[in-house]
Amino acid sequence: MKRNHKLIIGVATLEQSLKETLDACKKAKRGLPFGPVHRIDFTDQATLFGTLSPKRMELLRYLRQSGPMSARQIAKNLCRDYKNIQVDIKLLSRLELIITNKEGRYIVPWDDISIELALAA
């Protein structure tokens, strides 16, 4: 059975992120399930949407649907400048939204990326 690799992206303060991490550690110590949660939190919505711009989201969707390929192939297929694709890949790689496979081609390791935003604090 194939595992669903899901990533959750949200907005949280450092204190909120630390509390969630400590809660997971406490559950692990007691032997309670806490599940692997893959999460990236940004400090505010402006940073989140600035980082995950429409062009970068398009790149992620295209690469996930199309499979492994080089930056040059991505730029050509998306009709984008190669240098801009390189910048986007570098940033998305730092966030582990894009990784390289054994052949050195770029892939998106996530089956699903969800963005969660609280409307009320």
Protein backbone atom coordinates (compact mmCIF):
# COMPACT_ATOMS: atom_id res chain seq x y z
CA MET A 1 0.00 0.00 0.00
CA LYS A 2 1.37 3.39 -1.02
CA ARG A 3 1.71 5.93 1.76
CA ASN A 4 0.26 9.37 1.23
CA HIS A 5 2.97 11.95 1.76
CA LYS A 6 1.11 15.01 2.97
CA LEU A 7 2.59 18.36 3.91
CA ILE A 8 0.73 21.03 5.86
CA ILE A 9 1.75 24.65 5.46
CA GLY A 10 0.45 27.28 7.83
CA VAL A 11 1.09 30.40 9.85
CA ALA A 12 2.26 30.11 13.44
CA THR A 13 4.38 31.98 15.92
CA LEU A 14 7.60 30.46 17.18
CA GLU A 15 5.89 29.84 20.52
CA GLN A 16 3.05 27.91 18.84
CA SER A 17 5.51 25.79 16.87
CA LEU A 18 7.56 25.02 19.97
CA LYS A 19 4.42 24.07 21.92
CA GLU A 20 3.35 21.62 19.19
CA THR A 21 6.83 20.09 19.16
CA LEU A 22 6.88 19.73 22.94
CA ASP A 23 3.40 18.17 22.92
CA ALA A 24 4.55 15.60 20.34
CA CYS A 25 7.64 14.81 22.46
CA LYS A 26 5.50 14.30 25.57
CA LYS A 27 3.18 11.94 23.67
CA ALA A 28 6.16 10.00 22.35
CA LYS A 29 7.62 9.62 25.86
CA ARG A 30 4.29 8.22 27.11
CA GLY A 31 4.07 5.88 24.14
CA LEU A 32 1.03 7.61 22.71
CA PRO A 33 0.61 7.96 18.96
CA PHE A 34 1.41 11.37 17.59
CA GLY A 35 1.91 10.44 13.93
CA PRO A 36 4.40 11.87 11.55
CA VAL A 37 3.28 15.37 10.76
CA HIS A 38 5.18 17.15 8.06
CA ARG A 39 4.61 20.85 8.56
CA ILE A 40 6.07 24.18 7.53
CA ASP A 41 4.97 27.27 9.42
CA PHE A 42 5.54 30.83 8.29
CA THR A 43 5.46 33.76 10.69
CA ASP A 44 2.73 35.58 8.76
CA GLN A 45 0.47 35.27 5.72
CA ALA A 46 2.40 37.83 3.68
CA THR A 47 5.58 35.76 3.97
CA LEU A 48 3.72 32.54 3.17
CA PHE A 49 2.10 33.93 0.02
CA GLY A 50 5.26 35.78 -0.99
CA THR A 51 7.24 32.57 -0.76
CA LEU A 52 4.61 30.35 -2.36
CA SER A 53 3.76 32.71 -5.20
CA PRO A 54 1.41 31.61 -7.99
CA LYS A 55 4.41 30.88 -10.28
CA ARG A 56 6.07 28.70 -7.63
CA MET A 57 2.82 26.85 -6.96
CA GLU A 58 2.46 26.30 -10.71
CA LEU A 59 6.00 24.89 -10.77
CA LEU A 60 5.18 22.50 -7.88
CA ARG A 61 1.96 21.28 -9.48
CA TYR A 62 3.56 20.83 -12.90
CA LEU A 63 6.58 18.98 -11.55
CA ARG A 64 4.42 16.71 -9.36
CA GLN A 65 2.16 15.83 -12.29
CA SER A 66 4.91 15.49 -14.89
CA GLY A 67 7.53 13.60 -12.91
CA PRO A 68 11.30 14.03 -12.60
CA MET A 69 13.02 16.53 -14.87
CA SER A 70 15.85 19.01 -15.14
CA ALA A 71 15.54 22.72 -14.48
CA ARG A 72 16.10 23.38 -18.17
CA GLN A 73 13.19 21.08 -19.09
CA ILE A 74 10.94 22.75 -16.52
CA ALA A 75 11.78 26.22 -17.84
CA LYS A 76 11.15 25.16 -21.42
CA ASN A 77 7.88 23.38 -20.68
CA LEU A 78 6.51 26.22 -18.53
CA CYS A 79 7.78 28.91 -20.95
CA ARG A 80 9.72 30.59 -18.15
CA ASP A 81 13.19 32.06 -17.94
CA TYR A 82 15.77 29.46 -16.88
CA LYS A 83 17.36 31.79 -14.29
CA ASN A 84 13.98 32.43 -12.65
CA ILE A 85 13.27 28.69 -12.50
CA GLN A 86 16.67 28.18 -10.87
CA VAL A 87 15.85 30.80 -8.21
CA ASP A 88 12.47 29.17 -7.54
CA ILE A 89 13.96 25.67 -7.36
CA LYS A 90 16.65 26.84 -4.93
CA LEU A 91 14.08 28.40 -2.60
CA LEU A 92 11.64 25.47 -2.83
CA SER A 93 14.51 23.03 -2.25
CA ARG A 94 15.50 24.82 0.96
CA LEU A 95 11.93 24.22 2.15
CA GLU A 96 12.13 20.58 0.95
CA LEU A 97 9.17 21.14 -1.35
CA ILE A 98 11.43 20.00 -4.19
CA ILE A 99 14.20 17.42 -3.90
CA THR A 100 16.51 15.69 -6.36
CA ASN A 101 16.23 12.00 -7.19
CA LYS A 102 19.13 9.56 -7.73
CA GLU A 103 19.52 10.75 -11.32
CA GLY A 104 19.82 14.40 -10.25
CA ARG A 105 16.41 15.39 -11.58
CA TYR A 106 13.99 17.47 -9.57
CA ILE A 107 10.86 15.95 -8.03
CA VAL A 108 8.11 16.97 -5.62
CA PRO A 109 8.04 14.34 -2.85
CA TRP A 110 4.57 15.30 -1.62
CA ASP A 111 1.29 13.81 -2.81
CA ASP A 112 -0.67 16.59 -1.17
CA ILE A 113 0.21 20.06 0.11
CA SER A 114 -2.42 21.77 2.23
CA ILE A 115 -2.34 25.39 3.29
CA GLU A 116 -4.17 26.05 6.56
CA LEU A 117 -5.08 29.55 7.64
CA ALA A 118 -6.96 30.38 10.82
CA LEU A 119 -9.58 33.06 10.28
CA ALA A 120 -9.83 33.75 14.01
CA ALA A 121 -7.06 33.67 16.59
